[in-house]
Protein backbone atom coordinates (compact mmCIF):
# COMPACT_ATOMS: atom_id res chain seq x y z
CA MET A 1 128.39 106.66 92.32
CA GLU A 2 128.63 103.81 89.83
CA SER A 3 128.10 104.87 86.22
CA TYR A 4 125.03 102.67 85.76
CA LYS A 5 123.30 104.48 88.63
CA GLN A 6 123.88 107.85 86.98
CA GLU A 7 122.76 106.41 83.62
CA PHE A 8 119.63 105.02 85.29
CA ILE A 9 118.67 108.42 86.69
CA GLU A 10 119.25 110.08 83.32
CA PHE A 11 117.24 107.33 81.60
CA MET A 12 114.32 107.84 84.00
CA VAL A 13 114.35 111.62 83.46
CA ASP A 14 114.71 111.26 79.66
CA SER A 15 111.83 108.77 79.61
CA ASP A 16 109.67 111.32 81.45
CA VAL A 17 109.20 108.85 84.30
CA LEU A 18 111.07 110.79 86.98
CA LYS A 19 110.10 114.42 87.30
CA PHE A 20 111.34 117.18 89.57
CA GLY A 21 109.25 120.17 90.59
CA GLU A 22 106.36 120.70 92.97
CA PHE A 23 103.68 118.04 92.88
CA THR A 24 100.55 117.41 94.93
CA LEU A 25 100.13 113.69 95.52
CA LYS A 26 96.79 111.88 95.83
CA SER A 27 97.26 111.98 99.58
CA GLY A 28 97.37 115.76 99.41
CA ARG A 29 101.02 115.89 100.44
CA LYS A 30 103.50 118.00 98.47
CA SER A 31 106.53 116.34 96.92
CA PRO A 32 109.55 117.69 94.99
CA VAL A 33 109.78 114.40 93.03
CA PHE A 34 107.20 112.45 91.03
CA TYR A 35 107.70 108.93 89.66
CA GLU A 36 105.21 107.78 87.01
CA CYS A 37 105.91 104.10 86.37
CA ARG A 38 103.27 103.62 83.68
CA ARG A 39 105.31 105.73 81.27
CA ILE A 40 108.09 103.17 81.26
CA CYS A 41 105.80 100.15 81.21
CA ASP A 42 104.13 101.38 78.01
CA ARG A 43 107.25 100.90 75.90
CA PHE A 44 109.02 97.55 75.48
CA ARG A 45 112.43 99.08 74.77
CA SER A 46 112.24 101.18 77.92
CA LEU A 47 111.12 98.21 79.98
CA LYS A 48 114.04 96.16 78.63
CA LYS A 49 116.48 98.93 79.54
CA LEU A 50 114.99 99.13 83.04
CA GLY A 51 115.61 95.39 83.45
CA GLU A 52 119.24 95.86 82.46
CA TYR A 53 119.72 98.48 85.17
CA TYR A 54 118.15 96.21 87.77
CA ALA A 55 120.42 93.35 86.66
CA LYS A 56 123.50 95.57 87.05
CA ALA A 57 122.38 96.63 90.53
CA ILE A 58 121.77 93.02 91.59
CA HIS A 59 125.15 91.94 90.24
CA ASP A 60 126.85 94.89 91.95
CA THR A 61 125.26 93.93 95.26
CA TYR A 62 125.47 90.12 95.16
CA GLY A 63 128.11 89.30 92.54
CA ASP A 64 128.19 86.23 90.34
CA GLU A 65 126.73 83.95 93.03
CA PHE A 66 123.21 85.37 92.78
């Protein structure tokens, strides 16, 4: 796994966006993972960092020609 992918996961957990446990979703289904996007969108610095991870993923996939 590329280092930025591992950093991204750690960033999401540290930002309290990605949570692991047992969650009941609105649909009533159970899930071992919960992703709460609004936590990252509330902070500019976090949103900027998220953009950097997306840019790395796009570059990794498409290279300099994108």
